[in-house]
N, C-alpha and C. Protein backbone atom coordinates (compact mmCIF):
# COMPACT_ATOMS: atom_id res chain seq x y z
N UNK A 1 0.92 -1.05 -0.02
CA UNK A 1 -0.05 -0.09 0.06
C UNK A 1 0.83 1.40 0.08
N UNK A 2 0.56 1.91 -1.07
CA UNK A 2 1.11 3.42 -0.88
C UNK A 2 1.42 4.30 0.28
N UNK A 3 2.27 5.22 0.46
CA UNK A 3 2.10 5.97 1.71
C UNK A 3 2.06 7.28 1.21
N UNK A 4 1.69 7.98 2.39
CA UNK A 4 1.43 9.39 1.93
C UNK A 4 1.96 10.54 3.39
N UNK A 5 2.59 11.55 2.86
CA UNK A 5 3.41 12.12 3.66
C UNK A 5 3.00 13.88 3.67
N UNK A 6 2.71 14.41 4.82
CA UNK A 6 1.89 15.84 5.05
C UNK A 6 2.60 16.12 5.44
N UNK A 7 3.73 17.22 4.98
CA UNK A 7 4.51 18.14 5.94
C UNK A 7 3.70 19.37 6.49
N UNK A 8 4.56 19.95 7.27
CA UNK A 8 3.96 21.75 7.68
C UNK A 8 2.66 21.65 8.78
N UNK A 9 2.24 20.49 9.27
CA UNK A 9 1.39 20.58 10.14
C UNK A 9 1.07 21.40 11.04
N UNK A 10 0.09 22.00 11.22
CA UNK A 10 0.59 22.85 12.78
C UNK A 10 0.45 22.08 13.89
N UNK A 11 0.95 22.33 14.92
CA UNK A 11 1.20 21.92 16.31
C UNK A 11 -0.27 21.69 16.55
N UNK A 12 -1.18 22.67 16.47
CA UNK A 12 -2.46 23.03 17.02
C UNK A 12 -3.12 21.55 16.36
N UNK A 13 -3.05 21.42 14.68
CA UNK A 13 -3.84 20.74 14.05
C UNK A 13 -3.61 18.82 14.73
N UNK A 14 -2.31 18.80 14.95
CA UNK A 14 -1.88 17.50 15.27
C UNK A 14 -2.73 17.36 16.72
N UNK A 15 -2.55 18.27 17.61
CA UNK A 15 -2.66 17.94 18.79
C UNK A 15 -4.85 17.78 18.46
N UNK A 16 -5.31 18.30 18.24
CA UNK A 16 -6.64 18.25 17.73
C UNK A 16 -6.70 16.99 17.15
N UNK A 17 -6.07 16.34 16.23
CA UNK A 17 -6.11 15.23 15.98
C UNK A 17 -5.68 14.00 16.87
N UNK A 18 -4.65 14.18 17.38
CA UNK A 18 -4.48 13.39 18.49
C UNK A 18 -5.71 13.29 19.85
N UNK A 19 -6.22 14.15 19.84
CA UNK A 19 -7.69 14.32 20.77
C UNK A 19 -8.46 13.41 20.10
N UNK A 20 -8.86 13.60 19.22
CA UNK A 20 -9.94 12.94 17.98
C UNK A 20 -9.69 11.94 18.39
N UNK A 21 -8.33 11.20 17.80
CA UNK A 21 -7.59 9.92 18.03
C UNK A 21 -8.24 9.02 19.22
N UNK A 22 -7.64 9.56 20.23
CA UNK A 22 -8.16 9.19 21.36
C UNK A 22 -9.56 9.06 21.82
N UNK A 23 -10.11 9.96 21.42
CA UNK A 23 -12.05 9.73 21.63
C UNK A 23 -12.42 8.50 20.73
N UNK A 24 -11.64 8.17 19.86
CA UNK A 24 -12.13 7.36 18.71
C UNK A 24 -11.34 5.94 19.35
N UNK A 25 -10.46 5.66 20.18
CA UNK A 25 -9.56 4.89 20.72
C UNK A 25 -9.04 4.14 19.42
N UNK A 26 -8.17 5.29 18.63
CA UNK A 26 -7.57 4.64 17.56
C UNK A 26 -6.16 5.34 17.94
N UNK A 27 -5.24 5.14 16.90
CA UNK A 27 -3.96 5.67 17.33
C UNK A 27 -3.98 6.75 16.27
N UNK A 28 -2.82 7.91 16.18
CA UNK A 28 -3.03 9.25 15.29
C UNK A 28 -2.96 8.78 13.99
N UNK A 29 -2.49 7.58 13.29
CA UNK A 29 -2.21 7.37 12.28
C UNK A 29 -3.71 6.62 11.64
N UNK A 30 -4.04 5.55 12.54
CA UNK A 30 -5.57 5.01 12.27
C UNK A 30 -6.13 6.45 12.04
N UNK A 31 -6.52 7.25 12.79
CA UNK A 31 -7.38 8.28 12.52
C UNK A 31 -7.50 8.98 11.73
N UNK A 32 -5.97 9.68 11.18
CA UNK A 32 -5.85 10.33 9.98
C UNK A 32 -5.94 9.53 8.77
N UNK A 33 -5.68 8.42 8.96
CA UNK A 33 -6.09 7.40 7.84
C UNK A 33 -7.73 7.15 7.59
N UNK A 34 -8.52 7.17 8.35
CA UNK A 34 -9.86 6.85 8.31
C UNK A 34 -10.29 8.18 8.11
N UNK A 35 -9.82 9.30 8.38
CA UNK A 35 -10.31 10.81 8.06
C UNK A 35 -10.19 10.79 6.61
N UNK A 36 -9.23 10.37 6.11
CA UNK A 36 -8.71 10.73 4.49
C UNK A 36 -9.57 9.95 3.72
N UNK A 37 -9.69 8.42 3.96
CA UNK A 37 -10.37 7.42 3.53
C UNK A 37 -12.01 7.97 3.35
N UNK A 38 -12.35 8.63 4.27
CA UNK A 38 -13.91 8.91 4.26
C UNK A 38 -14.32 9.95 3.53
N UNK A 39 -13.21 10.79 3.76
CA UNK A 39 -13.29 12.34 2.34
C UNK A 39 -13.24 11.72 1.12
N UNK A 40 -12.35 11.21 1.06
CA UNK A 40 -12.20 10.75 -0.41
C UNK A 40 -13.38 9.69 -0.90
N UNK A 41 -14.12 8.92 -0.43
CA UNK A 41 -15.10 8.23 -0.25
C UNK A 41 -16.43 9.15 -0.59
N UNK A 42 -16.29 10.34 -0.02
CA UNK A 42 -17.56 11.08 0.02
C UNK A 42 -18.16 11.03 1.04
N UNK A 43 -17.85 10.36 2.06
CA UNK A 43 -18.56 10.16 3.60
C UNK A 43 -19.15 11.47 3.99
N UNK A 44 -18.65 12.33 3.56
CA UNK A 44 -19.65 13.68 3.90
C UNK A 44 -21.05 13.92 3.38
N UNK A 45 -21.53 13.39 2.09
CA UNK A 45 -22.80 13.34 1.53
C UNK A 45 -23.42 12.47 2.56
N UNK A 46 -22.60 11.33 2.56
CA UNK A 46 -23.62 10.46 3.27
C UNK A 46 -23.64 11.11 4.81
N UNK A 47 -22.90 11.67 5.38
CA UNK A 47 -23.65 12.23 6.84
C UNK A 47 -24.39 13.42 6.93
N UNK A 48 -24.65 14.19 5.84
CA UNK A 48 -25.42 15.38 5.68
C UNK A 48 -26.56 14.77 4.87
N UNK A 49 -26.75 13.63 4.67
CA UNK A 49 -28.21 13.20 4.16
C UNK A 49 -29.16 13.24 5.34
N UNK A 50 -28.95 12.90 6.16
CA UNK A 50 -29.91 12.75 7.38
C UNK A 50 -30.60 14.29 7.87
N UNK A 51 -29.37 14.93 7.68
CA UNK A 51 -29.68 16.45 8.47
C UNK A 51 -30.58 17.18 7.01
N UNK A 52 -30.38 17.31 5.66
CA UNK A 52 -31.07 17.17 4.65
C UNK A 52 -32.75 16.94 4.89
N UNK A 53 -32.39 15.44 5.16
CA UNK A 53 -34.24 15.17 5.10
C UNK A 53 -35.20 15.92 6.07
N UNK A 54 -34.10 16.23 7.56
CA UNK A 54 -34.31 16.76 8.73
C UNK A 54 -35.15 18.53 8.34
N UNK A 55 -33.96 19.07 7.52
CA UNK A 55 -34.35 20.15 6.99
C UNK A 55 -35.59 20.04 6.02
N UNK A 56 -35.82 19.08 4.87
CA UNK A 56 -36.94 18.99 4.17
C UNK A 56 -38.47 18.94 4.98
N UNK A 57 -38.05 17.92 6.19
CA UNK A 57 -39.56 18.23 6.87
C UNK A 57 -39.55 19.26 7.79
N UNK A 58 -38.96 19.63 8.14
CA UNK A 58 -39.47 21.03 8.72
C UNK A 58 -39.89 21.91 7.91
N UNK A 59 -39.36 22.28 6.74
CA UNK A 59 -39.56 22.72 5.36
C UNK A 59 -41.31 22.34 5.03
N UNK A 60 -41.55 21.10 5.36
CA UNK A 60 -42.79 20.97 4.93
C UNK A 60 -43.52 21.27 6.01
N UNK A 61 -43.50 21.13 7.10
CA UNK A 61 -44.40 21.60 8.08
C UNK A 61 -44.54 23.21 8.25
N UNK A 62 -43.54 23.79 8.28
CA UNK A 62 -43.66 25.30 8.42
C UNK A 62 -43.24 26.05 6.74
N UNK A 63 -44.37 25.76 5.88
CA UNK A 63 -43.78 26.57 4.57
C UNK A 63 -43.62 28.03 4.83
N UNK A 64 -44.38 28.42 5.64
CA UNK A 64 -44.61 29.98 6.03
C UNK A 64 -43.16 30.59 6.28
N UNK A 65 -42.12 29.51 6.49
CA UNK A 65 -40.68 30.15 7.25
C UNK A 65 -39.90 30.33 6.08
N UNK A 66 -39.16 31.67 5.92
CA UNK A 66 -38.49 31.78 5.31
C UNK A 66 -37.00 31.41 5.25
N UNK A 67 -36.14 31.56 4.09
CA UNK A 67 -34.82 30.79 4.32
C UNK A 67 -33.86 32.26 4.27
N UNK A 68 -33.41 32.09 5.79
CA UNK A 68 -32.80 33.14 6.30
C UNK A 68 -31.31 33.57 5.07
N UNK A 69 -30.84 32.05 4.50
CA UNK A 69 -29.60 32.38 3.73
C UNK A 69 -30.12 32.96 2.41
N UNK A 70 -31.07 33.09 2.15
CA UNK A 70 -31.64 33.86 0.72
C UNK A 70 -32.01 35.24 1.32
N UNK A 71 -32.52 35.68 2.26
CA UNK A 71 -32.32 36.83 2.70
C UNK A 71 -31.30 37.54 2.79
N UNK A 72 -30.01 36.79 3.28
CA UNK A 72 -29.02 37.22 3.38
C UNK A 72 -27.98 37.45 2.13
N UNK A 73 -28.53 36.90 1.46
CA UNK A 73 -28.17 36.81 -0.08
C UNK A 73 -28.66 38.14 -0.65
N UNK A 74 -30.16 38.15 -0.74
CA UNK A 74 -30.74 39.64 -0.91
C UNK A 74 -30.11 40.84 -0.81
N UNK A 75 -29.67 40.71 0.94
CA UNK A 75 -29.03 41.97 1.12
C UNK A 75 -27.97 42.25 0.83
N UNK A 76 -27.14 41.31 0.33
CA UNK A 76 -25.64 41.51 -0.09
C UNK A 76 -25.94 41.99 -1.51
N UNK A 77 -26.64 41.71 -2.08
CA UNK A 77 -26.66 41.81 -3.88
C UNK A 77 -27.55 43.26 -3.90
N UNK A 78 -27.47 44.11 -2.87
CA UNK A 78 -28.15 45.42 -2.79
C UNK A 78 -26.96 46.31 -3.12
């Protein structure tokens, strides 16, 4: 299996990754590998899917509710 070397990672980032790895009962190497694999596989879209479904359900219940992002975009375009 090929190796990947990432240089110049900030101390703050490395410490955050170490804490995250500890919470997941993984080594730092295992945690970074897991993050890279999930990101490369599009795991973000899968994790966001339930949130999008929730948003759609909320919108269906409250159709009178406006989208604040649209309001902000309109305000910026002025």
